[in-house]
């Protein structure tokens, strides 16, 4: 009973966090070019499905304050297109900007595209990736979702299956996730990666956990 109440609390707080930051993002007029200065490793930010980069702006601001040039792709919009299409846009951006030794910071679906980028022609430009609450093995809930953008996360989806099969870049990935994720009951453990299981729950609010920035600092600095 105690565990059920704890999970209910995590779930409720998770949606309060998500709704709050989605609302802020809707009215945020920050110019993303203001974050591209800095002398440390460049950061590429990949949000989750139905999120813009502004949903991750607290992290973006903190990274920039630490001296990292942070790059966001406004062309991803609310990230409703297929994982492979998103990955191609990131690959094109890396090659166009000629970034080197970049670190990908991704939430949820963004981690799937990030791994695909690392497996592709621009993979050598990426030092590693910090993925937060990414459904590397899919989510059983996706099977009953009403829209294709969410059903694509089914554990049986060919894209999910093929991406899971390719493990050669997993050692360069840090996967951070809560012990309870209401969207990904299977969890986000990735074989061969550095897996960090937080003693908390949620799918969105884990972005604000101090351990996320600590792991990112270890990876990028």
N, C-alpha and C. Protein backbone atom coordinates (compact mmCIF):
# COMPACT_ATOMS: atom_id res chain seq x y z
N UNK A 1 0.82 -1.21 0.00
CA UNK A 1 0.00 0.00 0.00
C UNK A 1 0.86 1.27 0.00
N UNK A 2 1.92 1.24 0.80
CA UNK A 2 2.81 2.41 0.87
C UNK A 2 3.45 2.67 -0.49
N UNK A 3 3.88 1.58 -1.15
CA UNK A 3 4.50 1.74 -2.46
C UNK A 3 3.50 2.28 -3.49
N UNK A 4 2.25 1.83 -3.41
CA UNK A 4 1.22 2.32 -4.33
C UNK A 4 0.98 3.81 -4.12
N UNK A 5 0.93 4.23 -2.87
CA UNK A 5 0.74 5.65 -2.58
C UNK A 5 1.93 6.48 -3.05
N UNK A 6 3.12 5.91 -2.88
CA UNK A 6 4.32 6.61 -3.33
C UNK A 6 4.29 6.78 -4.85
N UNK A 7 3.91 5.74 -5.54
CA UNK A 7 3.85 5.82 -7.01
C UNK A 7 2.77 6.80 -7.47
N UNK A 8 1.65 6.81 -6.77
CA UNK A 8 0.59 7.76 -7.12
C UNK A 8 1.07 9.19 -6.94
N UNK A 9 1.84 9.42 -5.89
CA UNK A 9 2.39 10.76 -5.65
C UNK A 9 3.39 11.14 -6.74
N UNK A 10 4.26 10.22 -7.10
CA UNK A 10 5.22 10.49 -8.17
C UNK A 10 4.50 10.81 -9.47
N UNK A 11 3.47 10.03 -9.76
CA UNK A 11 2.71 10.21 -10.99
C UNK A 11 2.05 11.60 -11.02
N UNK A 12 1.41 11.97 -9.92
CA UNK A 12 0.75 13.28 -9.85
C UNK A 12 1.75 14.41 -9.99
N UNK A 13 2.86 14.33 -9.28
CA UNK A 13 3.87 15.38 -9.35
C UNK A 13 4.52 15.45 -10.73
N UNK A 14 4.59 14.30 -11.37
CA UNK A 14 5.17 14.24 -12.72
C UNK A 14 4.34 15.07 -13.69
N UNK A 15 3.03 14.94 -13.61
CA UNK A 15 2.16 15.67 -14.53
C UNK A 15 2.06 17.15 -14.18
N UNK A 16 2.17 17.47 -12.90
CA UNK A 16 2.24 18.88 -12.52
C UNK A 16 3.47 19.52 -13.15
N UNK A 17 4.59 18.82 -13.08
CA UNK A 17 5.84 19.31 -13.69
C UNK A 17 5.67 19.46 -15.20
N UNK A 18 5.12 18.43 -15.84
CA UNK A 18 4.99 18.44 -17.30
C UNK A 18 4.06 19.55 -17.77
N UNK A 19 2.91 19.68 -17.13
CA UNK A 19 1.96 20.71 -17.53
C UNK A 19 2.55 22.10 -17.32
N UNK A 20 3.24 22.27 -16.20
CA UNK A 20 3.85 23.57 -15.91
C UNK A 20 4.87 23.98 -16.95
N UNK A 21 5.74 23.05 -17.33
CA UNK A 21 6.78 23.41 -18.29
C UNK A 21 6.27 23.47 -19.72
N UNK A 22 5.23 22.72 -20.03
CA UNK A 22 4.61 22.87 -21.35
C UNK A 22 3.96 24.24 -21.47
N UNK A 23 3.33 24.71 -20.39
CA UNK A 23 2.71 26.03 -20.41
C UNK A 23 3.77 27.13 -20.55
N UNK A 24 4.86 26.99 -19.81
CA UNK A 24 5.95 27.98 -19.93
C UNK A 24 6.51 28.00 -21.34
N UNK A 25 6.67 26.81 -21.92
CA UNK A 25 7.23 26.71 -23.27
C UNK A 25 6.35 27.41 -24.29
N UNK A 26 5.03 27.35 -24.08
CA UNK A 26 4.10 27.94 -25.03
C UNK A 26 4.24 29.46 -25.12
N UNK A 27 4.67 30.08 -24.03
CA UNK A 27 4.77 31.54 -24.00
C UNK A 27 6.21 32.04 -23.98
N UNK A 28 7.14 31.12 -24.11
CA UNK A 28 8.56 31.46 -24.04
C UNK A 28 9.04 31.96 -25.40
N UNK A 29 9.66 33.13 -25.42
CA UNK A 29 10.16 33.71 -26.67
C UNK A 29 11.69 33.80 -26.69
N UNK A 30 12.35 32.97 -25.91
CA UNK A 30 13.80 32.98 -25.85
C UNK A 30 14.40 32.60 -27.20
N UNK A 31 15.41 33.35 -27.62
CA UNK A 31 16.09 33.06 -28.88
C UNK A 31 17.11 31.95 -28.63
N UNK A 32 16.98 30.79 -29.26
CA UNK A 32 17.92 29.70 -28.99
C UNK A 32 19.35 30.03 -29.39
N UNK A 33 19.53 31.01 -30.29
CA UNK A 33 20.90 31.39 -30.68
C UNK A 33 21.67 31.97 -29.51
N UNK A 34 20.96 32.42 -28.47
CA UNK A 34 21.64 33.01 -27.31
C UNK A 34 22.40 31.97 -26.50
N UNK A 35 22.19 30.69 -26.80
CA UNK A 35 22.85 29.63 -26.03
C UNK A 35 24.03 29.00 -26.77
N UNK A 36 24.36 29.49 -27.96
CA UNK A 36 25.36 28.79 -28.78
C UNK A 36 26.80 29.23 -28.52
N UNK A 37 27.01 30.14 -27.58
CA UNK A 37 28.37 30.56 -27.24
C UNK A 37 28.92 29.65 -26.14
N UNK A 38 30.24 29.55 -26.07
CA UNK A 38 30.88 28.75 -25.04
C UNK A 38 32.08 28.00 -25.57
N UNK A 39 32.99 27.63 -24.66
CA UNK A 39 34.25 27.00 -25.08
C UNK A 39 34.33 25.52 -24.72
N UNK A 40 33.36 25.01 -23.99
CA UNK A 40 33.39 23.61 -23.62
C UNK A 40 32.71 22.76 -24.71
N UNK A 41 32.58 21.47 -24.44
CA UNK A 41 32.01 20.55 -25.43
C UNK A 41 30.63 21.01 -25.87
N UNK A 42 30.36 21.01 -27.17
CA UNK A 42 29.03 21.41 -27.65
C UNK A 42 27.97 20.38 -27.26
N UNK A 43 26.78 20.88 -26.96
CA UNK A 43 25.67 20.04 -26.54
C UNK A 43 24.56 20.11 -27.59
N UNK A 44 24.01 18.96 -27.96
CA UNK A 44 22.84 18.89 -28.83
C UNK A 44 21.67 18.42 -27.98
N UNK A 45 20.58 19.19 -27.96
CA UNK A 45 19.43 18.86 -27.11
C UNK A 45 18.32 18.26 -27.96
N UNK A 46 17.86 17.07 -27.55
CA UNK A 46 16.80 16.38 -28.27
C UNK A 46 15.65 16.10 -27.31
N UNK A 47 14.54 16.80 -27.46
CA UNK A 47 13.39 16.61 -26.56
C UNK A 47 12.59 15.36 -26.90
N UNK A 48 11.60 15.08 -26.06
CA UNK A 48 10.74 13.93 -26.28
C UNK A 48 9.58 14.26 -27.21
N UNK A 49 8.73 13.27 -27.42
CA UNK A 49 7.58 13.44 -28.31
C UNK A 49 6.63 14.49 -27.74
N UNK A 50 6.10 15.34 -28.62
CA UNK A 50 5.19 16.45 -28.27
C UNK A 50 5.88 17.51 -27.40
N UNK A 51 7.19 17.50 -27.37
CA UNK A 51 7.94 18.52 -26.63
C UNK A 51 8.76 19.36 -27.60
N UNK A 52 8.89 20.63 -27.30
CA UNK A 52 9.87 21.46 -27.99
C UNK A 52 11.11 21.54 -27.12
N UNK A 53 12.17 22.13 -27.65
CA UNK A 53 13.40 22.26 -26.87
C UNK A 53 13.16 23.09 -25.61
N UNK A 54 12.13 23.94 -25.63
CA UNK A 54 11.88 24.82 -24.48
C UNK A 54 11.42 24.04 -23.26
N UNK A 55 10.90 22.83 -23.47
CA UNK A 55 10.54 21.99 -22.34
C UNK A 55 11.77 21.64 -21.51
N UNK A 56 12.93 21.63 -22.16
CA UNK A 56 14.19 21.31 -21.49
C UNK A 56 15.03 22.54 -21.21
N UNK A 57 14.41 23.71 -21.27
CA UNK A 57 15.18 24.95 -21.12
C UNK A 57 15.89 25.09 -19.78
N UNK A 58 15.34 24.62 -18.66
CA UNK A 58 16.13 24.71 -17.41
C UNK A 58 17.50 24.04 -17.55
N UNK A 59 17.53 22.89 -18.20
CA UNK A 59 18.80 22.19 -18.41
C UNK A 59 19.67 22.94 -19.41
N UNK A 60 19.04 23.46 -20.46
CA UNK A 60 19.78 24.23 -21.47
C UNK A 60 20.48 25.41 -20.82
N UNK A 61 19.77 26.14 -19.99
CA UNK A 61 20.34 27.32 -19.32
C UNK A 61 21.50 26.94 -18.41
N UNK A 62 21.34 25.87 -17.67
CA UNK A 62 22.40 25.44 -16.76
C UNK A 62 23.64 24.99 -17.51
N UNK A 63 23.44 24.30 -18.62
CA UNK A 63 24.58 23.86 -19.43
C UNK A 63 25.32 25.06 -20.00
N UNK A 64 24.57 26.03 -20.50
CA UNK A 64 25.19 27.23 -21.06
C UNK A 64 25.94 28.00 -19.98
N UNK A 65 25.38 28.07 -18.80
CA UNK A 65 26.05 28.75 -17.69
C UNK A 65 27.36 28.06 -17.31
N UNK A 66 27.47 26.78 -17.60
CA UNK A 66 28.69 26.04 -17.29
C UNK A 66 29.72 26.16 -18.42
N UNK A 67 29.40 26.92 -19.47
CA UNK A 67 30.36 27.16 -20.53
C UNK A 67 30.18 26.33 -21.78
N UNK A 68 29.06 25.61 -21.88
CA UNK A 68 28.82 24.79 -23.07
C UNK A 68 27.99 25.54 -24.11
N UNK A 69 28.41 25.52 -25.37
CA UNK A 69 27.51 25.99 -26.42
C UNK A 69 26.41 24.95 -26.60
N UNK A 70 25.17 25.39 -26.51
CA UNK A 70 24.04 24.46 -26.57
C UNK A 70 23.27 24.69 -27.87
N UNK A 71 23.06 23.62 -28.62
CA UNK A 71 22.40 23.71 -29.92
C UNK A 71 21.05 23.01 -29.85
N UNK A 72 20.03 23.70 -30.31
CA UNK A 72 18.70 23.10 -30.42
C UNK A 72 18.26 23.19 -31.88
N UNK A 73 17.43 22.26 -32.29
CA UNK A 73 16.96 22.25 -33.67
C UNK A 73 15.48 22.61 -33.68
N UNK A 74 15.21 23.85 -34.02
CA UNK A 74 13.81 24.28 -34.05
C UNK A 74 13.02 23.56 -35.13
N UNK A 75 13.72 23.00 -36.11
CA UNK A 75 13.04 22.28 -37.18
C UNK A 75 12.35 21.01 -36.68
N UNK A 76 12.73 20.55 -35.49
CA UNK A 76 12.08 19.37 -34.92
C UNK A 76 10.68 19.69 -34.43
N UNK A 77 10.41 20.99 -34.24
CA UNK A 77 9.11 21.47 -33.77
C UNK A 77 8.68 20.70 -32.52
N UNK A 78 7.53 20.01 -32.55
CA UNK A 78 7.07 19.28 -31.37
C UNK A 78 7.39 17.78 -31.46
N UNK A 79 8.32 17.46 -32.33
CA UNK A 79 8.89 16.12 -32.37
C UNK A 79 7.83 15.02 -32.57
N UNK A 80 7.00 15.20 -33.57
CA UNK A 80 5.97 14.21 -33.84
C UNK A 80 6.31 13.31 -35.02
N UNK A 81 7.40 13.62 -35.71
CA UNK A 81 7.78 12.82 -36.87
C UNK A 81 8.51 11.55 -36.44
N UNK A 82 8.68 10.58 -37.34
CA UNK A 82 9.35 9.32 -36.99
C UNK A 82 10.76 9.52 -36.46
N UNK A 83 11.20 8.56 -35.65
CA UNK A 83 12.53 8.61 -35.03
C UNK A 83 13.62 8.77 -36.09
N UNK A 84 13.53 8.02 -37.17
CA UNK A 84 14.57 8.07 -38.20
C UNK A 84 14.62 9.44 -38.87
N UNK A 85 13.47 10.07 -39.07
CA UNK A 85 13.44 11.40 -39.67
C UNK A 85 14.07 12.43 -38.75
N UNK A 86 13.79 12.32 -37.47
CA UNK A 86 14.41 13.21 -36.50
C UNK A 86 15.92 13.02 -36.49
N UNK A 87 16.36 11.76 -36.52
CA UNK A 87 17.79 11.47 -36.51
C UNK A 87 18.48 12.04 -37.74
N UNK A 88 17.82 12.00 -38.89
CA UNK A 88 18.41 12.54 -40.11
C UNK A 88 18.60 14.04 -40.01
N UNK A 89 17.64 14.73 -39.39
CA UNK A 89 17.78 16.18 -39.22
C UNK A 89 18.96 16.52 -38.31
N UNK A 90 19.16 15.71 -37.27
CA UNK A 90 20.29 15.94 -36.37
C UNK A 90 21.60 15.65 -37.08
N UNK A 91 21.62 14.57 -37.86
CA UNK A 91 22.81 14.23 -38.64
C UNK A 91 23.17 15.36 -39.60
N UNK A 92 22.18 15.86 -40.32
CA UNK A 92 22.41 16.96 -41.25
C UNK A 92 22.96 18.19 -40.52
N UNK A 93 22.42 18.45 -39.34
CA UNK A 93 22.86 19.62 -38.58
C UNK A 93 24.31 19.46 -38.12
N UNK A 94 24.65 18.29 -37.64
CA UNK A 94 26.03 18.04 -37.20
C UNK A 94 27.01 18.22 -38.35
N UNK A 95 26.65 17.74 -39.52
CA UNK A 95 27.54 17.83 -40.66
C UNK A 95 27.60 19.26 -41.21
N UNK A 96 26.47 19.96 -41.19
CA UNK A 96 26.44 21.34 -41.68
C UNK A 96 27.24 22.27 -40.77
N UNK A 97 27.13 22.09 -39.47
CA UNK A 97 27.85 22.95 -38.52
C UNK A 97 29.27 22.47 -38.28
N UNK A 98 29.59 21.25 -38.73
CA UNK A 98 30.90 20.64 -38.54
C UNK A 98 31.27 20.52 -37.07
N UNK A 99 30.30 20.29 -36.23
CA UNK A 99 30.57 20.10 -34.81
C UNK A 99 31.37 18.83 -34.59
N UNK A 100 32.26 18.87 -33.59
CA UNK A 100 33.05 17.71 -33.22
C UNK A 100 32.95 17.49 -31.71
N UNK A 101 33.10 16.24 -31.30
CA UNK A 101 33.13 15.92 -29.87
C UNK A 101 31.86 16.40 -29.16
N UNK A 102 30.74 16.33 -29.84
CA UNK A 102 29.48 16.81 -29.28
C UNK A 102 28.89 15.79 -28.30
N UNK A 103 28.10 16.30 -27.39
CA UNK A 103 27.39 15.45 -26.44
C UNK A 103 25.89 15.66 -26.66
N UNK A 104 25.17 14.57 -26.86
CA UNK A 104 23.71 14.64 -27.02
C UNK A 104 23.06 14.51 -25.65
N UNK A 105 22.13 15.40 -25.36
CA UNK A 105 21.31 15.31 -24.15
C UNK A 105 19.88 15.12 -24.61
N UNK A 106 19.28 14.01 -24.25
CA UNK A 106 17.98 13.65 -24.81
C UNK A 106 16.99 13.25 -23.73
N UNK A 107 15.73 13.51 -24.02
CA UNK A 107 14.64 13.05 -23.15
C UNK A 107 13.74 12.12 -23.94
N UNK A 108 13.42 10.99 -23.34
CA UNK A 108 12.43 10.06 -23.87
C UNK A 108 12.73 9.70 -25.33
N UNK A 109 11.81 9.99 -26.25
CA UNK A 109 11.98 9.66 -27.65
C UNK A 109 13.28 10.21 -28.21
N UNK A 110 13.73 11.35 -27.71
CA UNK A 110 14.97 11.95 -28.20
C UNK A 110 16.16 11.01 -28.08
N UNK A 111 16.14 10.15 -27.05
CA UNK A 111 17.24 9.21 -26.89
C UNK A 111 17.29 8.15 -27.97
N UNK A 112 16.14 7.79 -28.51
CA UNK A 112 16.11 6.83 -29.62
C UNK A 112 16.74 7.43 -30.87
N UNK A 113 16.36 8.68 -31.15
CA UNK A 113 16.96 9.36 -32.31
C UNK A 113 18.43 9.60 -32.08
N UNK A 114 18.80 9.95 -30.85
CA UNK A 114 20.21 10.18 -30.54
C UNK A 114 21.05 8.95 -30.79
N UNK A 115 20.56 7.79 -30.38
CA UNK A 115 21.31 6.56 -30.62
C UNK A 115 21.42 6.29 -32.12
N UNK A 116 20.37 6.55 -32.86
CA UNK A 116 20.40 6.35 -34.30
C UNK A 116 21.42 7.28 -34.95
N UNK A 117 21.53 8.50 -34.46
CA UNK A 117 22.56 9.43 -34.95
C UNK A 117 23.95 8.86 -34.70
N UNK A 118 24.16 8.32 -33.50
CA UNK A 118 25.47 7.77 -33.15
C UNK A 118 25.84 6.57 -34.01
N UNK A 119 24.84 5.88 -34.52
CA UNK A 119 25.09 4.72 -35.38
C UNK A 119 25.30 5.11 -36.84
N UNK A 120 25.00 6.37 -37.18
CA UNK A 120 25.02 6.81 -38.56
C UNK A 120 26.30 7.51 -38.98
N UNK A 121 26.28 8.19 -40.14
CA UNK A 121 27.47 8.80 -40.72
C UNK A 121 28.06 9.94 -39.89
N UNK A 122 27.27 10.54 -39.00
CA UNK A 122 27.79 11.62 -38.16
C UNK A 122 28.15 11.12 -36.76
N UNK A 123 28.12 9.79 -36.57
CA UNK A 123 28.37 9.24 -35.25
C UNK A 123 29.72 9.59 -34.67
N UNK A 124 30.73 9.73 -35.53
CA UNK A 124 32.07 10.05 -35.05
C UNK A 124 32.15 11.47 -34.50
N UNK A 125 31.16 12.29 -34.80
CA UNK A 125 31.14 13.66 -34.27
C UNK A 125 30.56 13.71 -32.85
N UNK A 126 30.07 12.59 -32.36
CA UNK A 126 29.40 12.56 -31.06
C UNK A 126 30.26 11.81 -30.04
N UNK A 127 30.60 12.50 -28.95
CA UNK A 127 31.36 11.86 -27.88
C UNK A 127 30.51 10.83 -27.14
N UNK A 128 29.29 11.22 -26.84
CA UNK A 128 28.41 10.33 -26.09
C UNK A 128 27.04 10.95 -25.94
N UNK A 129 26.16 10.25 -25.25
CA UNK A 129 24.80 10.74 -25.05
C UNK A 129 24.33 10.46 -23.64
N UNK A 130 23.68 11.45 -23.05
CA UNK A 130 22.95 11.27 -21.81
C UNK A 130 21.48 11.19 -22.18
N UNK A 131 20.86 10.05 -21.93
CA UNK A 131 19.46 9.84 -22.27
C UNK A 131 18.66 9.72 -20.98
N UNK A 132 17.60 10.51 -20.85
CA UNK A 132 16.77 10.49 -19.65
C UNK A 132 15.41 9.89 -19.99
N UNK A 133 15.05 8.83 -19.28
CA UNK A 133 13.74 8.19 -19.45
C UNK A 133 13.44 7.84 -20.90
N UNK A 134 14.39 7.17 -21.55
CA UNK A 134 14.22 6.77 -22.95
C UNK A 134 13.71 5.34 -23.06
N UNK A 135 12.70 5.08 -23.88
CA UNK A 135 12.16 3.73 -24.02
C UNK A 135 12.99 2.88 -24.98
N UNK A 136 14.21 2.54 -24.57
CA UNK A 136 15.09 1.79 -25.47
C UNK A 136 14.49 0.44 -25.86
N UNK A 137 13.71 -0.15 -24.96
CA UNK A 137 13.07 -1.42 -25.27
C UNK A 137 11.59 -1.27 -25.59
N UNK A 138 11.15 -0.04 -25.76
CA UNK A 138 9.74 0.22 -26.04
C UNK A 138 8.90 0.26 -24.78
N UNK A 139 7.61 0.46 -24.98
CA UNK A 139 6.65 0.49 -23.87
C UNK A 139 5.41 -0.29 -24.28
N UNK A 140 4.98 -1.18 -23.40
CA UNK A 140 3.79 -2.00 -23.74
C UNK A 140 2.54 -1.15 -23.90
N UNK A 141 2.51 0.02 -23.25
CA UNK A 141 1.35 0.89 -23.37
C UNK A 141 1.18 1.45 -24.78
N UNK A 142 2.29 1.50 -25.53
CA UNK A 142 2.24 2.09 -26.87
C UNK A 142 1.31 1.32 -27.80
N UNK A 143 1.11 0.05 -27.54
CA UNK A 143 0.30 -0.78 -28.43
C UNK A 143 -1.15 -0.30 -28.52
N UNK A 144 -1.63 0.35 -27.48
CA UNK A 144 -3.04 0.76 -27.45
C UNK A 144 -3.21 2.27 -27.65
N UNK A 145 -2.14 2.95 -27.98
CA UNK A 145 -2.23 4.39 -28.20
C UNK A 145 -2.98 4.69 -29.49
N UNK A 146 -3.75 5.78 -29.53
CA UNK A 146 -4.59 6.07 -30.71
C UNK A 146 -3.85 6.69 -31.89
N UNK A 147 -2.62 7.14 -31.70
CA UNK A 147 -1.90 7.81 -32.79
C UNK A 147 -0.59 7.07 -33.09
N UNK A 148 -0.20 7.12 -34.36
CA UNK A 148 0.99 6.41 -34.81
C UNK A 148 2.25 6.91 -34.10
N UNK A 149 2.32 8.20 -33.81
CA UNK A 149 3.51 8.76 -33.17
C UNK A 149 3.81 8.09 -31.85
N UNK A 150 2.77 7.56 -31.17
CA UNK A 150 2.96 6.88 -29.89
C UNK A 150 3.03 5.36 -30.06
N UNK A 151 2.28 4.82 -31.01
CA UNK A 151 2.34 3.37 -31.24
C UNK A 151 3.72 2.93 -31.71
N UNK A 152 4.50 3.86 -32.24
CA UNK A 152 5.86 3.54 -32.71
C UNK A 152 6.78 3.11 -31.58
N UNK A 153 6.36 3.30 -30.32
CA UNK A 153 7.18 2.90 -29.19
C UNK A 153 6.84 1.50 -28.69
N UNK A 154 6.02 0.78 -29.41
CA UNK A 154 5.70 -0.59 -29.03
C UNK A 154 6.97 -1.45 -29.03
N UNK A 155 7.13 -2.35 -28.07
CA UNK A 155 8.29 -3.25 -28.07
C UNK A 155 8.39 -4.11 -29.32
N UNK A 156 7.27 -4.24 -30.05
CA UNK A 156 7.26 -5.06 -31.27
C UNK A 156 7.48 -4.24 -32.53
N UNK A 157 7.56 -2.92 -32.41
CA UNK A 157 7.77 -2.08 -33.59
C UNK A 157 9.14 -2.41 -34.21
N UNK A 158 9.20 -2.60 -35.53
CA UNK A 158 10.47 -2.96 -36.17
C UNK A 158 11.61 -1.98 -35.87
N UNK A 159 11.28 -0.68 -35.77
CA UNK A 159 12.31 0.30 -35.48
C UNK A 159 12.90 0.11 -34.09
N UNK A 160 12.04 -0.15 -33.11
CA UNK A 160 12.50 -0.39 -31.73
C UNK A 160 13.34 -1.67 -31.67
N UNK A 161 12.87 -2.72 -32.33
CA UNK A 161 13.57 -4.00 -32.32
C UNK A 161 14.95 -3.88 -32.95
N UNK A 162 15.03 -3.21 -34.09
CA UNK A 162 16.31 -3.08 -34.79
C UNK A 162 17.28 -2.20 -34.01
N UNK A 163 16.78 -1.13 -33.42
CA UNK A 163 17.66 -0.24 -32.66
C UNK A 163 18.21 -0.96 -31.43
N UNK A 164 17.39 -1.78 -30.79
CA UNK A 164 17.84 -2.54 -29.62
C UNK A 164 18.90 -3.57 -30.01
N UNK A 165 18.80 -4.09 -31.20
CA UNK A 165 19.74 -5.11 -31.67
C UNK A 165 21.14 -4.55 -31.87
N UNK A 166 21.23 -3.29 -32.25
CA UNK A 166 22.52 -2.66 -32.52
C UNK A 166 23.10 -2.07 -31.22
N UNK A 167 24.12 -2.71 -30.71
CA UNK A 167 24.66 -2.36 -29.39
C UNK A 167 26.05 -1.72 -29.43
N UNK A 168 26.57 -1.48 -30.64
CA UNK A 168 27.97 -1.05 -30.72
C UNK A 168 28.23 0.32 -30.13
N UNK A 169 27.22 1.18 -29.98
CA UNK A 169 27.45 2.50 -29.40
C UNK A 169 26.94 2.60 -27.97
N UNK A 170 26.37 1.51 -27.44
CA UNK A 170 25.77 1.58 -26.11
C UNK A 170 26.76 1.99 -25.02
N UNK A 171 28.03 1.64 -25.18
CA UNK A 171 29.03 1.97 -24.17
C UNK A 171 29.26 3.47 -24.06
N UNK A 172 28.83 4.22 -25.06
CA UNK A 172 28.99 5.69 -25.03
C UNK A 172 27.70 6.39 -24.57
N UNK A 173 26.78 5.63 -24.03
CA UNK A 173 25.50 6.19 -23.61
C UNK A 173 25.33 6.03 -22.10
N UNK A 174 24.84 7.09 -21.47
CA UNK A 174 24.45 7.05 -20.07
C UNK A 174 22.92 7.14 -20.04
N UNK A 175 22.27 6.12 -19.51
CA UNK A 175 20.82 6.10 -19.43
C UNK A 175 20.39 6.33 -17.98
N UNK A 176 19.65 7.43 -17.77
CA UNK A 176 19.19 7.79 -16.44
C UNK A 176 17.67 7.66 -16.40
N UNK A 177 17.15 7.03 -15.37
CA UNK A 177 15.71 6.81 -15.30
C UNK A 177 15.28 6.57 -13.85
N UNK A 178 14.01 6.78 -13.59
CA UNK A 178 13.48 6.55 -12.26
C UNK A 178 13.14 5.09 -12.03
N UNK A 179 12.96 4.74 -10.78
CA UNK A 179 12.62 3.35 -10.46
C UNK A 179 11.17 3.02 -10.85
N UNK A 180 10.38 4.06 -11.09
CA UNK A 180 9.02 3.89 -11.58
C UNK A 180 8.76 4.95 -12.65
N UNK A 181 8.39 4.50 -13.83
CA UNK A 181 8.07 5.40 -14.93
C UNK A 181 6.67 5.05 -15.41
N UNK A 182 5.68 5.94 -15.23
CA UNK A 182 4.31 5.61 -15.62
C UNK A 182 4.12 5.43 -17.12
N UNK A 183 5.08 5.88 -17.91
CA UNK A 183 4.98 5.73 -19.37
C UNK A 183 5.77 4.53 -19.88
N UNK A 184 6.79 4.13 -19.15
CA UNK A 184 7.67 3.04 -19.59
C UNK A 184 7.78 2.02 -18.46
N UNK A 185 6.79 1.14 -18.31
CA UNK A 185 6.84 0.17 -17.21
C UNK A 185 8.04 -0.78 -17.31
N UNK A 186 8.56 -0.97 -18.53
CA UNK A 186 9.73 -1.84 -18.70
C UNK A 186 11.02 -1.19 -18.20
N UNK A 187 11.00 0.11 -17.99
CA UNK A 187 12.21 0.81 -17.59
C UNK A 187 13.07 1.21 -18.78
N UNK A 188 14.20 1.84 -18.50
CA UNK A 188 15.07 2.37 -19.56
C UNK A 188 16.47 1.79 -19.51
N UNK A 189 16.63 0.64 -18.90
CA UNK A 189 17.95 0.03 -18.85
C UNK A 189 18.40 -0.35 -20.26
N UNK A 190 19.65 -0.02 -20.56
CA UNK A 190 20.22 -0.27 -21.89
C UNK A 190 21.45 -1.16 -21.74
N UNK A 191 21.45 -2.37 -22.27
CA UNK A 191 22.60 -3.28 -22.14
C UNK A 191 23.89 -2.65 -22.66
N UNK A 192 24.93 -2.72 -21.84
CA UNK A 192 26.23 -2.20 -22.24
C UNK A 192 26.44 -0.74 -21.95
N UNK A 193 25.38 -0.02 -21.60
CA UNK A 193 25.49 1.41 -21.27
C UNK A 193 25.76 1.58 -19.79
N UNK A 194 26.04 2.81 -19.38
CA UNK A 194 26.06 3.13 -17.96
C UNK A 194 24.62 3.43 -17.56
N UNK A 195 24.04 2.59 -16.75
CA UNK A 195 22.65 2.75 -16.35
C UNK A 195 22.58 3.32 -14.94
N UNK A 196 21.83 4.40 -14.81
CA UNK A 196 21.68 5.08 -13.52
C UNK A 196 20.21 5.08 -13.14
N UNK A 197 19.86 4.27 -12.18
CA UNK A 197 18.47 4.15 -11.72
C UNK A 197 18.27 5.03 -10.50
N UNK A 198 17.45 6.05 -10.64
CA UNK A 198 17.20 7.00 -9.56
C UNK A 198 16.19 6.44 -8.58
N UNK A 199 16.35 6.78 -7.31
CA UNK A 199 15.42 6.32 -6.30
C UNK A 199 14.22 7.27 -6.22
N UNK A 200 13.58 7.45 -7.34
CA UNK A 200 12.40 8.30 -7.44
C UNK A 200 11.59 7.81 -8.63
N UNK A 201 10.48 8.46 -8.90
CA UNK A 201 9.65 8.04 -10.02
C UNK A 201 9.25 9.20 -10.91
N UNK A 202 8.76 8.84 -12.10
CA UNK A 202 8.32 9.86 -13.04
C UNK A 202 8.95 9.68 -14.40
N UNK A 203 8.38 10.37 -15.36
CA UNK A 203 8.91 10.35 -16.72
C UNK A 203 9.45 11.72 -17.12
N UNK A 204 8.86 12.77 -16.57
CA UNK A 204 9.25 14.14 -16.91
C UNK A 204 10.08 14.80 -15.80
N UNK A 205 9.63 14.64 -14.57
CA UNK A 205 10.26 15.35 -13.45
C UNK A 205 11.69 14.89 -13.19
N UNK A 206 12.03 13.70 -13.68
CA UNK A 206 13.40 13.22 -13.49
C UNK A 206 14.41 14.11 -14.21
N UNK A 207 13.95 14.88 -15.19
CA UNK A 207 14.86 15.83 -15.87
C UNK A 207 15.48 16.81 -14.89
N UNK A 208 14.77 17.11 -13.80
CA UNK A 208 15.25 18.10 -12.84
C UNK A 208 16.04 17.47 -11.70
N UNK A 209 16.25 16.17 -11.71
CA UNK A 209 16.97 15.50 -10.63
C UNK A 209 18.45 15.89 -10.67
N UNK A 210 19.06 16.21 -9.53
CA UNK A 210 20.48 16.63 -9.51
C UNK A 210 21.42 15.61 -10.14
N UNK A 211 21.08 14.34 -10.07
CA UNK A 211 21.97 13.32 -10.62
C UNK A 211 22.11 13.44 -12.13
N UNK A 212 21.08 13.96 -12.79
CA UNK A 212 21.13 14.13 -14.24
C UNK A 212 22.26 15.09 -14.61
N UNK A 213 22.33 16.23 -13.94
CA UNK A 213 23.40 17.19 -14.24
C UNK A 213 24.75 16.66 -13.83
N UNK A 214 24.79 15.88 -12.75
CA UNK A 214 26.07 15.29 -12.32
C UNK A 214 26.61 14.31 -13.35
N UNK A 215 25.73 13.48 -13.88
CA UNK A 215 26.16 12.52 -14.91
C UNK A 215 26.54 13.24 -16.20
N UNK A 216 25.83 14.31 -16.51
CA UNK A 216 26.15 15.07 -17.71
C UNK A 216 27.51 15.74 -17.59
N UNK A 217 27.79 16.27 -16.41
CA UNK A 217 29.09 16.90 -16.18
C UNK A 217 30.21 15.88 -16.34
N UNK A 218 29.99 14.69 -15.82
CA UNK A 218 31.01 13.63 -15.93
C UNK A 218 31.23 13.24 -17.39
N UNK A 219 30.18 13.26 -18.18
CA UNK A 219 30.26 12.86 -19.58
C UNK A 219 30.87 13.96 -20.45
N UNK A 220 30.46 15.22 -20.18
CA UNK A 220 30.82 16.32 -21.08
C UNK A 220 32.05 17.11 -20.62
N UNK A 221 32.42 17.00 -19.37
CA UNK A 221 33.49 17.87 -18.87
C UNK A 221 34.68 17.11 -18.33
